Amino acid sequence: MKDKEKTKFMKTISLILNILIIIFLIGTIYVFLWRIFGNSPTDFQVISWVVGLFSVVIFKLFTFTYNMNREISELKTGVKNGFKRIKEDIQEIKTLIKKNEKQ
């Protein structure tokens, strides 16, 4: 995948995960309130909603961590290339100084 396609794909995944988090959060709150105020759902239903919510949140954290690792590695590469260019510039300056001293 190209970089633009990858970022578009990751944005789409992030949007889907955000929607799922909202749905599971609303469902979990509803089931808890339903459990508290009567007409109780079974324990399995409550646990299912909570596990679903936690699963989606954990998956969202994994995608966030993946994106951060990718950005940090790009930053490291940029810094490394920047120092290489600085080193080349310093070498060039040294050669120019030596040429000027000989004259």
N, C-alpha and C. Protein backbone atom coordinates (compact mmCIF):
# COMPACT_ATOMS: atom_id res chain seq x y z
N MET A 1 0.83 -1.19 0.00
CA MET A 1 0.00 0.00 0.00
C MET A 1 0.87 1.24 0.00
N LYS A 2 0.39 2.24 -0.67
CA LYS A 2 1.09 3.52 -0.64
C LYS A 2 0.80 4.22 0.67
N ASP A 3 1.60 5.24 0.96
CA ASP A 3 1.47 5.93 2.24
C ASP A 3 0.12 6.61 2.39
N LYS A 4 -0.39 7.24 1.31
CA LYS A 4 -1.69 7.90 1.39
C LYS A 4 -2.81 6.90 1.61
N GLU A 5 -2.70 5.75 0.91
CA GLU A 5 -3.72 4.71 1.07
C GLU A 5 -3.68 4.14 2.49
N LYS A 6 -2.47 4.01 3.03
CA LYS A 6 -2.32 3.47 4.38
C LYS A 6 -2.93 4.42 5.41
N THR A 7 -2.67 5.72 5.27
CA THR A 7 -3.23 6.66 6.23
C THR A 7 -4.75 6.73 6.11
N LYS A 8 -5.27 6.65 4.87
CA LYS A 8 -6.71 6.65 4.68
C LYS A 8 -7.33 5.40 5.30
N PHE A 9 -6.67 4.26 5.12
CA PHE A 9 -7.13 3.01 5.70
C PHE A 9 -7.11 3.08 7.22
N MET A 10 -6.03 3.62 7.79
CA MET A 10 -5.94 3.72 9.25
C MET A 10 -6.98 4.69 9.81
N LYS A 11 -7.27 5.77 9.08
CA LYS A 11 -8.30 6.70 9.52
C LYS A 11 -9.67 6.02 9.51
N THR A 12 -9.92 5.20 8.48
CA THR A 12 -11.19 4.48 8.39
C THR A 12 -11.31 3.49 9.54
N ILE A 13 -10.24 2.75 9.81
CA ILE A 13 -10.25 1.80 10.93
C ILE A 13 -10.49 2.53 12.24
N SER A 14 -9.82 3.67 12.42
CA SER A 14 -9.99 4.45 13.64
C SER A 14 -11.43 4.92 13.80
N LEU A 15 -12.06 5.37 12.70
CA LEU A 15 -13.44 5.81 12.76
C LEU A 15 -14.37 4.66 13.13
N ILE A 16 -14.15 3.50 12.52
CA ILE A 16 -14.98 2.33 12.82
C ILE A 16 -14.82 1.93 14.29
N LEU A 17 -13.58 1.94 14.78
CA LEU A 17 -13.35 1.60 16.18
C LEU A 17 -14.00 2.60 17.13
N ASN A 18 -13.95 3.88 16.78
CA ASN A 18 -14.61 4.90 17.61
C ASN A 18 -16.12 4.67 17.66
N ILE A 19 -16.70 4.33 16.53
CA ILE A 19 -18.14 4.05 16.49
C ILE A 19 -18.47 2.83 17.34
N LEU A 20 -17.64 1.78 17.21
CA LEU A 20 -17.87 0.57 18.01
C LEU A 20 -17.71 0.85 19.51
N ILE A 21 -16.76 1.68 19.87
CA ILE A 21 -16.59 2.03 21.28
C ILE A 21 -17.83 2.74 21.80
N ILE A 22 -18.37 3.66 21.02
CA ILE A 22 -19.57 4.38 21.44
C ILE A 22 -20.75 3.43 21.58
N ILE A 23 -20.92 2.52 20.61
CA ILE A 23 -22.03 1.55 20.66
C ILE A 23 -21.89 0.66 21.89
N PHE A 24 -20.69 0.11 22.11
CA PHE A 24 -20.50 -0.77 23.26
C PHE A 24 -20.62 -0.02 24.58
N LEU A 25 -20.18 1.22 24.62
CA LEU A 25 -20.31 2.02 25.83
C LEU A 25 -21.78 2.27 26.16
N ILE A 26 -22.55 2.66 25.17
CA ILE A 26 -23.99 2.89 25.38
C ILE A 26 -24.67 1.59 25.79
N GLY A 27 -24.33 0.50 25.11
CA GLY A 27 -24.93 -0.79 25.45
C GLY A 27 -24.58 -1.24 26.85
N THR A 28 -23.31 -1.03 27.24
CA THR A 28 -22.88 -1.44 28.58
C THR A 28 -23.59 -0.61 29.65
N ILE A 29 -23.69 0.69 29.43
CA ILE A 29 -24.40 1.55 30.40
C ILE A 29 -25.86 1.14 30.49
N TYR A 30 -26.48 0.87 29.34
CA TYR A 30 -27.89 0.45 29.32
C TYR A 30 -28.09 -0.85 30.09
N VAL A 31 -27.20 -1.82 29.87
CA VAL A 31 -27.33 -3.12 30.54
C VAL A 31 -27.11 -2.96 32.04
N PHE A 32 -26.15 -2.12 32.44
CA PHE A 32 -25.93 -1.90 33.86
C PHE A 32 -27.16 -1.23 34.51
N LEU A 33 -27.70 -0.21 33.85
CA LEU A 33 -28.90 0.45 34.39
C LEU A 33 -30.07 -0.52 34.44
N TRP A 34 -30.20 -1.33 33.42
CA TRP A 34 -31.26 -2.32 33.37
C TRP A 34 -31.10 -3.32 34.51
N ARG A 35 -29.86 -3.68 34.78
CA ARG A 35 -29.56 -4.63 35.87
C ARG A 35 -29.90 -4.00 37.23
N ILE A 36 -29.61 -2.72 37.39
CA ILE A 36 -29.84 -2.05 38.67
C ILE A 36 -31.32 -1.83 38.94
N PHE A 37 -32.08 -1.40 37.92
CA PHE A 37 -33.46 -0.99 38.14
C PHE A 37 -34.51 -2.05 37.83
N GLY A 38 -34.12 -3.28 37.66
CA GLY A 38 -35.11 -4.34 37.50
C GLY A 38 -35.16 -4.88 36.08
N ASN A 39 -35.98 -5.93 35.91
CA ASN A 39 -36.04 -6.66 34.63
C ASN A 39 -34.64 -7.06 34.21
N SER A 40 -33.92 -7.61 35.16
CA SER A 40 -32.48 -7.80 35.05
C SER A 40 -32.10 -8.73 33.90
N PRO A 41 -31.05 -8.31 33.15
CA PRO A 41 -30.45 -9.23 32.19
C PRO A 41 -29.61 -10.25 32.96
N THR A 42 -29.26 -11.32 32.30
CA THR A 42 -28.44 -12.33 32.97
C THR A 42 -27.02 -11.79 33.15
N ASP A 43 -26.28 -12.47 34.03
CA ASP A 43 -24.89 -12.07 34.24
C ASP A 43 -24.08 -12.23 32.97
N PHE A 44 -24.40 -13.23 32.18
CA PHE A 44 -23.68 -13.45 30.92
C PHE A 44 -23.86 -12.27 29.97
N GLN A 45 -25.06 -11.72 29.91
CA GLN A 45 -25.31 -10.57 29.03
C GLN A 45 -24.50 -9.36 29.49
N VAL A 46 -24.45 -9.11 30.77
CA VAL A 46 -23.68 -7.99 31.29
C VAL A 46 -22.20 -8.18 30.99
N ILE A 47 -21.71 -9.39 31.28
CA ILE A 47 -20.30 -9.68 31.03
C ILE A 47 -19.97 -9.58 29.54
N SER A 48 -20.88 -10.02 28.69
CA SER A 48 -20.65 -9.95 27.24
C SER A 48 -20.47 -8.51 26.77
N TRP A 49 -21.31 -7.61 27.25
CA TRP A 49 -21.19 -6.20 26.86
C TRP A 49 -19.89 -5.60 27.38
N VAL A 50 -19.53 -5.93 28.61
CA VAL A 50 -18.30 -5.38 29.19
C VAL A 50 -17.08 -5.92 28.45
N VAL A 51 -17.07 -7.21 28.16
CA VAL A 51 -15.95 -7.81 27.43
C VAL A 51 -15.87 -7.23 26.02
N GLY A 52 -17.00 -7.02 25.37
CA GLY A 52 -17.01 -6.39 24.05
C GLY A 52 -16.42 -4.99 24.08
N LEU A 53 -16.82 -4.22 25.09
CA LEU A 53 -16.29 -2.86 25.23
C LEU A 53 -14.79 -2.89 25.45
N PHE A 54 -14.33 -3.73 26.37
CA PHE A 54 -12.90 -3.81 26.64
C PHE A 54 -12.11 -4.29 25.42
N SER A 55 -12.69 -5.22 24.68
CA SER A 55 -12.00 -5.73 23.48
C SER A 55 -11.79 -4.64 22.45
N VAL A 56 -12.82 -3.86 22.21
CA VAL A 56 -12.71 -2.79 21.22
C VAL A 56 -11.74 -1.72 21.70
N VAL A 57 -11.79 -1.38 22.98
CA VAL A 57 -10.87 -0.37 23.52
C VAL A 57 -9.43 -0.85 23.42
N ILE A 58 -9.18 -2.12 23.73
CA ILE A 58 -7.82 -2.66 23.64
C ILE A 58 -7.35 -2.66 22.19
N PHE A 59 -8.22 -3.03 21.25
CA PHE A 59 -7.84 -3.02 19.84
C PHE A 59 -7.54 -1.60 19.39
N LYS A 60 -8.31 -0.62 19.87
CA LYS A 60 -8.06 0.79 19.55
C LYS A 60 -6.70 1.22 20.09
N LEU A 61 -6.35 0.78 21.29
CA LEU A 61 -5.05 1.12 21.85
C LEU A 61 -3.92 0.49 21.05
N PHE A 62 -4.12 -0.73 20.56
CA PHE A 62 -3.10 -1.37 19.72
C PHE A 62 -2.88 -0.59 18.43
N THR A 63 -3.96 -0.13 17.79
CA THR A 63 -3.79 0.64 16.55
C THR A 63 -3.12 1.97 16.84
N PHE A 64 -3.46 2.60 17.98
CA PHE A 64 -2.83 3.86 18.36
C PHE A 64 -1.33 3.66 18.59
N THR A 65 -0.99 2.57 19.27
CA THR A 65 0.42 2.27 19.53
C THR A 65 1.17 2.01 18.24
N TYR A 66 0.54 1.29 17.31
CA TYR A 66 1.16 1.02 16.01
C TYR A 66 1.44 2.32 15.28
N ASN A 67 0.47 3.22 15.27
CA ASN A 67 0.66 4.51 14.59
C ASN A 67 1.77 5.32 15.24
N MET A 68 1.82 5.33 16.57
CA MET A 68 2.88 6.07 17.26
C MET A 68 4.25 5.48 16.96
N ASN A 69 4.36 4.15 16.95
CA ASN A 69 5.65 3.52 16.64
C ASN A 69 6.10 3.87 15.23
N ARG A 70 5.16 3.89 14.30
CA ARG A 70 5.50 4.24 12.92
C ARG A 70 5.98 5.68 12.82
N GLU A 71 5.28 6.58 13.50
CA GLU A 71 5.68 7.99 13.45
C GLU A 71 7.02 8.21 14.13
N ILE A 72 7.27 7.51 15.23
CA ILE A 72 8.55 7.65 15.92
C ILE A 72 9.68 7.13 15.06
N SER A 73 9.46 6.01 14.36
CA SER A 73 10.52 5.48 13.49
C SER A 73 10.79 6.42 12.33
N GLU A 74 9.75 7.07 11.80
CA GLU A 74 9.96 8.06 10.74
C GLU A 74 10.74 9.26 11.29
N LEU A 75 10.45 9.66 12.50
CA LEU A 75 11.16 10.77 13.13
C LEU A 75 12.62 10.41 13.35
N LYS A 76 12.90 9.18 13.80
CA LYS A 76 14.28 8.74 14.00
C LYS A 76 15.05 8.77 12.68
N THR A 77 14.40 8.30 11.62
CA THR A 77 15.05 8.30 10.32
C THR A 77 15.36 9.72 9.87
N GLY A 78 14.41 10.62 10.07
CA GLY A 78 14.63 12.02 9.71
C GLY A 78 15.77 12.65 10.49
N VAL A 79 15.84 12.37 11.78
CA VAL A 79 16.92 12.91 12.61
C VAL A 79 18.26 12.34 12.17
N LYS A 80 18.29 11.04 11.90
CA LYS A 80 19.53 10.40 11.47
C LYS A 80 20.02 11.01 10.15
N ASN A 81 19.10 11.21 9.21
CA ASN A 81 19.47 11.82 7.93
C ASN A 81 19.92 13.27 8.12
N GLY A 82 19.29 13.97 9.05
CA GLY A 82 19.68 15.34 9.32
C GLY A 82 21.10 15.43 9.85
N PHE A 83 21.46 14.52 10.76
CA PHE A 83 22.83 14.52 11.29
C PHE A 83 23.84 14.13 10.22
N LYS A 84 23.45 13.24 9.31
CA LYS A 84 24.36 12.89 8.21
C LYS A 84 24.63 14.11 7.35
N ARG A 85 23.57 14.89 7.06
CA ARG A 85 23.76 16.10 6.25
C ARG A 85 24.61 17.13 6.98
N ILE A 86 24.43 17.26 8.28
CA ILE A 86 25.25 18.19 9.05
C ILE A 86 26.71 17.76 9.01
N LYS A 87 26.96 16.47 9.15
CA LYS A 87 28.32 15.95 9.10
C LYS A 87 28.96 16.26 7.74
N GLU A 88 28.21 16.06 6.66
CA GLU A 88 28.72 16.36 5.33
C GLU A 88 29.03 17.85 5.20
N ASP A 89 28.15 18.69 5.73
CA ASP A 89 28.38 20.14 5.66
C ASP A 89 29.63 20.54 6.44
N ILE A 90 29.81 19.95 7.61
CA ILE A 90 31.00 20.25 8.41
C ILE A 90 32.26 19.83 7.68
N GLN A 91 32.24 18.66 7.05
CA GLN A 91 33.40 18.20 6.27
C GLN A 91 33.69 19.17 5.13
N GLU A 92 32.65 19.64 4.48
CA GLU A 92 32.82 20.60 3.39
C GLU A 92 33.42 21.91 3.90
N ILE A 93 32.94 22.36 5.06
CA ILE A 93 33.47 23.59 5.65
C ILE A 93 34.94 23.42 6.00
N LYS A 94 35.29 22.26 6.56
CA LYS A 94 36.69 21.99 6.91
C LYS A 94 37.58 22.02 5.67
N THR A 95 37.13 21.43 4.59
CA THR A 95 37.94 21.45 3.36
C THR A 95 38.08 22.86 2.82
N LEU A 96 37.04 23.66 2.92
CA LEU A 96 37.13 25.05 2.45
C LEU A 96 38.08 25.85 3.33
N ILE A 97 38.06 25.62 4.63
CA ILE A 97 38.98 26.32 5.54
C ILE A 97 40.40 25.94 5.23
N LYS A 98 40.67 24.66 4.99
CA LYS A 98 42.03 24.21 4.67
C LYS A 98 42.52 24.84 3.36
N LYS A 99 41.63 24.94 2.38
CA LYS A 99 41.99 25.57 1.11
C LYS A 99 42.34 27.04 1.31
N ASN A 100 41.56 27.73 2.13
CA ASN A 100 41.81 29.14 2.39
C ASN A 100 43.10 29.36 3.19
N GLU A 101 43.43 28.42 4.09
CA GLU A 101 44.66 28.56 4.87
C GLU A 101 45.90 28.39 3.98
N LYS A 102 45.80 27.55 2.97
CA LYS A 102 46.94 27.32 2.07
C LYS A 102 47.20 28.54 1.20
N GLN A 103 46.21 29.33 0.95
CA GLN A 103 46.39 30.49 0.05
C GLN A 103 47.01 31.62 0.73
